């Protein structure tokens, strides 16, 4: 069976596979070359640098997001659909999620989610400044949720290491933490995400209503 020709897509796919197995720190041009069974210098014909490779990984992961949209739906439902689609990367590529949320991409794959979100908010009647602020708020929430979901943030969720939990703390010093330890030590990521998303959307609805009332 003939070997598949070396290409940028094949190099990026190999990097994604390596990241999901061992994490982003394992990626180097030398390691990718070894995984592919080729010389290191041959990679540079397709990917100019490690930084470009990591951008390629983030772009490839983003391009797999399936954004379903219904222009006739209420803007709140469209925002929900877009947020859930973006969250899907944590399911499909949990370790590559870090690259997606940490790199500033100006490619079509990187700008498409931003364009869709801004278009939705603008079509709902929000002025440019408010739309941008809301976009940044949603990004901050979604990124924070994804980091917690893939085990990066330490704030009581998710508990991969059961030796570090809220259980066993001094109830005299930390009565609330102690009493709520069972809840702090577990996390239904989907339920948590939906709860926070709904709070954000309802806050924006209330904000819009207040602005309308002051006119």
C-alpha atoms as a PDB file:
ATOM      1  CA  UNK A   1       0.000   0.000   0.000  1.00  0.00           C
ATOM      2  CA  UNK A   2       1.611   3.313  -1.041  1.00  0.00           C
ATOM      3  CA  UNK A   3       2.477   5.839   1.666  1.00  0.00           C
ATOM      4  CA  UNK A   4       0.279   8.919   1.728  1.00  0.00           C
ATOM      5  CA  UNK A   5       2.226  11.929   0.428  1.00  0.00           C
ATOM      6  CA  UNK A   6       3.403  14.412   3.022  1.00  0.00           C
ATOM      7  CA  UNK A   7       1.110  17.439   3.208  1.00  0.00           C
ATOM      8  CA  UNK A   8       0.181  20.224   5.583  1.00  0.00           C
ATOM      9  CA  UNK A   9      -3.083  18.472   6.403  1.00  0.00           C
ATOM     10  CA  UNK A  10      -1.319  15.238   7.273  1.00  0.00           C
ATOM     11  CA  UNK A  11       1.220  17.079   9.447  1.00  0.00           C
ATOM     12  CA  UNK A  12      -1.520  18.957  11.312  1.00  0.00           C
ATOM     13  CA  UNK A  13      -3.553  15.780  11.817  1.00  0.00           C
ATOM     14  CA  UNK A  14      -0.502  14.065  13.265  1.00  0.00           C
ATOM     15  CA  UNK A  15       0.032  16.993  15.640  1.00  0.00           C
ATOM     16  CA  UNK A  16      -3.593  16.821  16.802  1.00  0.00           C
ATOM     17  CA  UNK A  17      -3.285  13.105  17.430  1.00  0.00           C
ATOM     18  CA  UNK A  18      -0.070  13.637  19.411  1.00  0.00           C
ATOM     19  CA  UNK A  19      -1.630  16.440  21.482  1.00  0.00           C
ATOM     20  CA  UNK A  20      -4.648  14.319  22.352  1.00  0.00           C
ATOM     21  CA  UNK A  21      -2.346  11.484  23.451  1.00  0.00           C
ATOM     22  CA  UNK A  22       0.353  13.404  25.290  1.00  0.00           C
ATOM     23  CA  UNK A  23      -0.544  17.100  25.449  1.00  0.00           C
ATOM     24  CA  UNK A  24       0.655  20.188  23.575  1.00  0.00           C
ATOM     25  CA  UNK A  25       4.053  20.182  25.305  1.00  0.00           C
ATOM     26  CA  UNK A  26       4.912  16.993  23.413  1.00  0.00           C
ATOM     27  CA  UNK A  27       4.743  18.791  20.060  1.00  0.00           C
ATOM     28  CA  UNK A  28       8.001  19.632  18.320  1.00  0.00           C
ATOM     29  CA  UNK A  29       8.956  19.538  14.687  1.00  0.00           C
ATOM     30  CA  UNK A  30      11.364  16.705  15.429  1.00  0.00           C
ATOM     31  CA  UNK A  31       8.689  14.675  17.217  1.00  0.00           C
ATOM     32  CA  UNK A  32       6.151  15.195  14.432  1.00  0.00           C
ATOM     33  CA  UNK A  33       8.743  14.122  11.870  1.00  0.00           C
ATOM     34  CA  UNK A  34       9.409  10.968  13.892  1.00  0.00           C
ATOM     35  CA  UNK A  35       5.681  10.221  14.104  1.00  0.00           C
ATOM     36  CA  UNK A  36       5.424  10.532  10.325  1.00  0.00           C
ATOM     37  CA  UNK A  37       8.669   8.695   9.610  1.00  0.00           C
ATOM     38  CA  UNK A  38      10.137  11.556   7.600  1.00  0.00           C
ATOM     39  CA  UNK A  39      13.077  13.933   7.927  1.00  0.00           C
ATOM     40  CA  UNK A  40      12.559  17.074   9.996  1.00  0.00           C
ATOM     41  CA  UNK A  41      13.510  19.394   7.142  1.00  0.00           C
ATOM     42  CA  UNK A  42      10.794  17.939   4.923  1.00  0.00           C
ATOM     43  CA  UNK A  43       8.160  19.359   7.288  1.00  0.00           C
ATOM     44  CA  UNK A  44       9.277  22.914   6.559  1.00  0.00           C
ATOM     45  CA  UNK A  45       8.168  22.562   2.940  1.00  0.00           C
ATOM     46  CA  UNK A  46       4.603  22.521   4.293  1.00  0.00           C
ATOM     47  CA  UNK A  47       4.714  24.217   7.718  1.00  0.00           C
ATOM     48  CA  UNK A  48       7.225  27.063   8.200  1.00  0.00           C
ATOM     49  CA  UNK A  49       7.515  26.813  11.996  1.00  0.00           C
ATOM     50  CA  UNK A  50       6.202  25.200  15.148  1.00  0.00           C
ATOM     51  CA  UNK A  51       4.102  28.303  15.802  1.00  0.00           C
ATOM     52  CA  UNK A  52       2.497  27.967  12.377  1.00  0.00           C
ATOM     53  CA  UNK A  53       1.867  24.293  13.092  1.00  0.00           C
ATOM     54  CA  UNK A  54       0.093  25.088  16.351  1.00  0.00           C
ATOM     55  CA  UNK A  55      -2.001  27.705  14.573  1.00  0.00           C
ATOM     56  CA  UNK A  56      -2.849  25.028  12.034  1.00  0.00           C
ATOM     57  CA  UNK A  57      -3.984  22.710  14.813  1.00  0.00           C
ATOM     58  CA  UNK A  58      -6.262  25.387  16.272  1.00  0.00           C
ATOM     59  CA  UNK A  59      -7.681  26.210  12.842  1.00  0.00           C
ATOM     60  CA  UNK A  60      -8.286  22.551  12.016  1.00  0.00           C
ATOM     61  CA  UNK A  61     -10.150  21.984  15.271  1.00  0.00           C
ATOM     62  CA  UNK A  62     -12.235  25.134  14.802  1.00  0.00           C
ATOM     63  CA  UNK A  63     -13.088  24.185  11.231  1.00  0.00           C
ATOM     64  CA  UNK A  64     -14.758  21.001  12.489  1.00  0.00           C
ATOM     65  CA  UNK A  65     -17.327  22.947  14.479  1.00  0.00           C
ATOM     66  CA  UNK A  66     -20.747  22.547  12.944  1.00  0.00           C
ATOM     67  CA  UNK A  67     -22.486  25.895  13.296  1.00  0.00           C
ATOM     68  CA  UNK A  68     -26.180  25.380  12.755  1.00  0.00           C
ATOM     69  CA  UNK A  69     -28.148  28.587  12.537  1.00  0.00           C
ATOM     70  CA  UNK A  70     -31.735  29.578  11.942  1.00  0.00           C
ATOM     71  CA  UNK A  71     -32.004  33.218  10.841  1.00  0.00           C
ATOM     72  CA  UNK A  72     -35.718  33.156  11.700  1.00  0.00           C
ATOM     73  CA  UNK A  73     -35.124  32.035  15.292  1.00  0.00           C
ATOM     74  CA  UNK A  74     -35.037  34.499  18.182  1.00  0.00           C
ATOM     75  CA  UNK A  75     -31.544  35.870  18.778  1.00  0.00           C
ATOM     76  CA  UNK A  76     -31.353  34.202  22.195  1.00  0.00           C
ATOM     77  CA  UNK A  77     -31.878  30.780  20.613  1.00  0.00           C
ATOM     78  CA  UNK A  78     -29.241  31.564  17.964  1.00  0.00           C
ATOM     79  CA  UNK A  79     -26.745  32.515  20.664  1.00  0.00           C
ATOM     80  CA  UNK A  80     -27.468  29.264  22.489  1.00  0.00           C
ATOM     81  CA  UNK A  81     -26.837  27.238  19.328  1.00  0.00           C
ATOM     82  CA  UNK A  82     -23.566  29.013  18.607  1.00  0.00           C
ATOM     83  CA  UNK A  83     -22.276  28.658  22.165  1.00  0.00           C
ATOM     84  CA  UNK A  84     -23.111  24.945  22.261  1.00  0.00           C
ATOM     85  CA  UNK A  85     -21.401  24.385  18.923  1.00  0.00           C
ATOM     86  CA  UNK A  86     -18.213  26.021  20.180  1.00  0.00           C
ATOM     87  CA  UNK A  87     -18.299  23.956  23.368  1.00  0.00           C
ATOM     88  CA  UNK A  88     -18.292  20.799  21.256  1.00  0.00           C
ATOM     89  CA  UNK A  89     -14.535  21.133  20.757  1.00  0.00           C
ATOM     90  CA  UNK A  90     -14.040  20.118  24.391  1.00  0.00           C
ATOM     91  CA  UNK A  91     -15.754  16.829  23.596  1.00  0.00           C
ATOM     92  CA  UNK A  92     -14.074  16.130  20.271  1.00  0.00           C
ATOM     93  CA  UNK A  93     -10.575  17.453  21.051  1.00  0.00           C
ATOM     94  CA  UNK A  94     -10.230  17.978  24.811  1.00  0.00           C
ATOM     95  CA  UNK A  95      -6.473  18.543  24.884  1.00  0.00           C
ATOM     96  CA  UNK A  96      -6.382  20.611  21.721  1.00  0.00           C
ATOM     97  CA  UNK A  97      -8.971  22.919  23.281  1.00  0.00           C
ATOM     98  CA  UNK A  98      -6.172  24.798  25.042  1.00  0.00           C
ATOM     99  CA  UNK A  99      -4.623  25.755  21.715  1.00  0.00           C
ATOM    100  CA  UNK A 100      -7.936  26.899  20.292  1.00  0.00           C
ATOM    101  CA  UNK A 101      -8.656  29.244  23.190  1.00  0.00           C
ATOM    102  CA  UNK A 102      -5.103  30.547  23.582  1.00  0.00           C
ATOM    103  CA  UNK A 103      -4.233  31.548  20.015  1.00  0.00           C
ATOM    104  CA  UNK A 104      -5.330  34.683  18.170  1.00  0.00           C
ATOM    105  CA  UNK A 105      -6.370  33.471  14.732  1.00  0.00           C
ATOM    106  CA  UNK A 106      -7.034  35.789  11.805  1.00  0.00           C
ATOM    107  CA  UNK A 107      -7.820  33.025   9.341  1.00  0.00           C
ATOM    108  CA  UNK A 108     -11.306  32.249   8.054  1.00  0.00           C
ATOM    109  CA  UNK A 109     -11.640  29.416  10.595  1.00  0.00           C
ATOM    110  CA  UNK A 110     -10.726  31.734  13.440  1.00  0.00           C
ATOM    111  CA  UNK A 111     -12.899  34.655  12.350  1.00  0.00           C
ATOM    112  CA  UNK A 112     -16.045  32.734  11.368  1.00  0.00           C
ATOM    113  CA  UNK A 113     -17.327  32.173  14.952  1.00  0.00           C
ATOM    114  CA  UNK A 114     -16.703  35.868  15.712  1.00  0.00           C
ATOM    115  CA  UNK A 115     -18.512  36.986  12.561  1.00  0.00           C
ATOM    116  CA  UNK A 116     -21.510  34.765  13.281  1.00  0.00           C
ATOM    117  CA  UNK A 117     -21.807  35.947  16.882  1.00  0.00           C
ATOM    118  CA  UNK A 118     -21.514  39.634  15.991  1.00  0.00           C
ATOM    119  CA  UNK A 119     -24.011  39.284  13.139  1.00  0.00           C
ATOM    120  CA  UNK A 120     -26.500  37.643  15.493  1.00  0.00           C
ATOM    121  CA  UNK A 121     -26.153  40.357  18.130  1.00  0.00           C
ATOM    122  CA  UNK A 122     -26.300  43.166  15.582  1.00  0.00           C
ATOM    123  CA  UNK A 123     -29.415  41.681  13.982  1.00  0.00           C
ATOM    124  CA  UNK A 124     -30.990  41.714  17.455  1.00  0.00           C
ATOM    125  CA  UNK A 125     -30.582  45.480  17.459  1.00  0.00           C
ATOM    126  CA  UNK A 126     -27.528  45.907  19.688  1.00  0.00           C
ATOM    127  CA  UNK A 127     -25.223  48.785  18.806  1.00  0.00           C
ATOM    128  CA  UNK A 128     -21.653  47.979  17.810  1.00  0.00           C
ATOM    129  CA  UNK A 129     -20.054  48.731  21.187  1.00  0.00           C
ATOM    130  CA  UNK A 130     -22.590  46.607  23.089  1.00  0.00           C
ATOM    131  CA  UNK A 131     -22.290  43.751  20.585  1.00  0.00           C
ATOM    132  CA  UNK A 132     -18.498  43.670  20.996  1.00  0.00           C
ATOM    133  CA  UNK A 133     -18.735  43.768  24.803  1.00  0.00           C
ATOM    134  CA  UNK A 134     -21.288  40.950  24.791  1.00  0.00           C
ATOM    135  CA  UNK A 135     -19.148  38.902  22.441  1.00  0.00           C
ATOM    136  CA  UNK A 136     -16.160  39.268  24.767  1.00  0.00           C
ATOM    137  CA  UNK A 137     -18.299  38.313  27.752  1.00  0.00           C
ATOM    138  CA  UNK A 138     -19.522  35.164  26.014  1.00  0.00           C
ATOM    139  CA  UNK A 139     -15.993  34.268  24.932  1.00  0.00           C
ATOM    140  CA  UNK A 140     -14.741  34.675  28.506  1.00  0.00           C
ATOM    141  CA  UNK A 141     -17.528  32.448  29.798  1.00  0.00           C
ATOM    142  CA  UNK A 142     -17.138  29.762  27.133  1.00  0.00           C
ATOM    143  CA  UNK A 143     -13.349  29.677  27.436  1.00  0.00           C
ATOM    144  CA  UNK A 144     -13.563  29.438  31.219  1.00  0.00           C
ATOM    145  CA  UNK A 145     -16.066  26.604  30.930  1.00  0.00           C
ATOM    146  CA  UNK A 146     -13.913  24.740  28.426  1.00  0.00           C
ATOM    147  CA  UNK A 147     -10.797  25.101  30.578  1.00  0.00           C
ATOM    148  CA  UNK A 148     -12.667  23.730  33.574  1.00  0.00           C
ATOM    149  CA  UNK A 149     -14.113  20.917  31.498  1.00  0.00           C
ATOM    150  CA  UNK A 150     -10.731  19.731  30.237  1.00  0.00           C
ATOM    151  CA  UNK A 151      -9.241  19.944  33.720  1.00  0.00           C
ATOM    152  CA  UNK A 152      -7.077  23.065  33.469  1.00  0.00           C
ATOM    153  CA  UNK A 153      -8.653  25.321  36.091  1.00  0.00           C
ATOM    154  CA  UNK A 154      -8.294  24.176  39.727  1.00  0.00           C
ATOM    155  CA  UNK A 155     -11.488  25.602  41.205  1.00  0.00           C
ATOM    156  CA  UNK A 156     -13.190  22.444  42.454  1.00  0.00           C
ATOM    157  CA  UNK A 157     -14.033  21.069  39.018  1.00  0.00           C
ATOM    158  CA  UNK A 158     -13.598  18.631  37.518  1.00  0.00           C
ATOM    159  CA  UNK A 159     -12.048  16.353  40.096  1.00  0.00           C
ATOM    160  CA  UNK A 160      -9.685  14.064  38.213  1.00  0.00           C
ATOM    161  CA  UNK A 161      -7.452  13.612  41.247  1.00  0.00           C
ATOM    162  CA  UNK A 162      -9.703  12.411  44.047  1.00  0.00           C
ATOM    163  CA  UNK A 163      -6.931  13.014  46.605  1.00  0.00           C
ATOM    164  CA  UNK A 164      -7.479  16.775  46.221  1.00  0.00           C
ATOM    165  CA  UNK A 165     -11.106  17.518  47.083  1.00  0.00           C
ATOM    166  CA  UNK A 166     -13.181  19.740  49.327  1.00  0.00           C
ATOM    167  CA  UNK A 167     -13.760  16.834  51.676  1.00  0.00           C
ATOM    168  CA  UNK A 168     -11.844  16.772  54.930  1.00  0.00           C
ATOM    169  CA  UNK A 169     -11.527  20.549  55.341  1.00  0.00           C
ATOM    170  CA  UNK A 170     -11.908  22.075  58.795  1.00  0.00           C
ATOM    171  CA  UNK A 171     -15.652  22.804  59.184  1.00  0.00           C
ATOM    172  CA  UNK A 172     -14.917  25.418  61.835  1.00  0.00           C
ATOM    173  CA  UNK A 173     -12.765  27.502  59.507  1.00  0.00           C
ATOM    174  CA  UNK A 174     -14.700  26.742  56.305  1.00  0.00           C
ATOM    175  CA  UNK A 175     -18.286  25.849  57.241  1.00  0.00           C
ATOM    176  CA  UNK A 176     -19.775  26.454  53.793  1.00  0.00           C
ATOM    177  CA  UNK A 177     -17.023  24.615  51.913  1.00  0.00           C
ATOM    178  CA  UNK A 178     -17.344  21.719  54.328  1.00  0.00           C
ATOM    179  CA  UNK A 179     -21.120  21.474  54.132  1.00  0.00           C
ATOM    180  CA  UNK A 180     -21.160  21.762  50.345  1.00  0.00           C
ATOM    181  CA  UNK A 181     -18.175  19.464  49.776  1.00  0.00           C
ATOM    182  CA  UNK A 182     -20.171  16.770  47.910  1.00  0.00           C
ATOM    183  CA  UNK A 183     -21.430  19.388  45.429  1.00  0.00           C
ATOM    184  CA  UNK A 184     -18.003  21.007  45.037  1.00  0.00           C
ATOM    185  CA  UNK A 185     -16.419  17.633  44.321  1.00  0.00           C
ATOM    186  CA  UNK A 186     -18.679  16.766  41.408  1.00  0.00           C
ATOM    187  CA  UNK A 187     -19.522  18.562  38.190  1.00  0.00           C
ATOM    188  CA  UNK A 188     -22.075  17.883  35.463  1.00  0.00           C
ATOM    189  CA  UNK A 189     -20.343  19.888  32.743  1.00  0.00           C
ATOM    190  CA  UNK A 190     -23.313  20.079  30.425  1.00  0.00           C
ATOM    191  CA  UNK A 191     -25.677  21.203  33.180  1.00  0.00           C
ATOM    192  CA  UNK A 192     -23.139  23.737  34.458  1.00  0.00           C
ATOM    193  CA  UNK A 193     -22.602  25.128  30.963  1.00  0.00           C
ATOM    194  CA  UNK A 194     -26.324  25.465  30.273  1.00  0.00           C
ATOM    195  CA  UNK A 195     -26.917  27.111  33.665  1.00  0.00           C
ATOM    196  CA  UNK A 196     -24.244  29.748  33.059  1.00  0.00           C
ATOM    197  CA  UNK A 197     -25.259  30.302  29.450  1.00  0.00           C
ATOM    198  CA  UNK A 198     -28.853  30.940  30.490  1.00  0.00           C
ATOM    199  CA  UNK A 199     -27.741  33.422  33.162  1.00  0.00           C
ATOM    200  CA  UNK A 200     -25.720  35.354  30.582  1.00  0.00           C
ATOM    201  CA  UNK A 201     -28.538  35.445  28.053  1.00  0.00           C
ATOM    202  CA  UNK A 202     -31.106  36.556  30.627  1.00  0.00           C
ATOM    203  CA  UNK A 203     -28.729  39.263  31.848  1.00  0.00           C
ATOM    204  CA  UNK A 204     -28.404  40.580  28.284  1.00  0.00           C
ATOM    205  CA  UNK A 205     -32.186  40.488  27.832  1.00  0.00           C
ATOM    206  CA  UNK A 206     -32.583  42.509  31.038  1.00  0.00           C
ATOM    207  CA  UNK A 207     -29.861  44.935  29.910  1.00  0.00           C
ATOM    208  CA  UNK A 208     -31.623  45.487  26.578  1.00  0.00           C
ATOM    209  CA  UNK A 209     -34.951  46.049  28.342  1.00  0.00           C
ATOM    210  CA  UNK A 210     -33.400  48.639  30.683  1.00  0.00           C
ATOM    211  CA  UNK A 211     -31.836  50.527  27.780  1.00  0.00           C
ATOM    212  CA  UNK A 212     -35.138  50.487  25.928  1.00  0.00           C
ATOM    213  CA  UNK A 213     -36.906  51.838  29.017  1.00  0.00           C
ATOM    214  CA  UNK A 214     -34.579  54.796  29.288  1.00  0.00           C
ATOM    215  CA  UNK A 215     -35.231  56.035  25.766  1.00  0.00           C
END
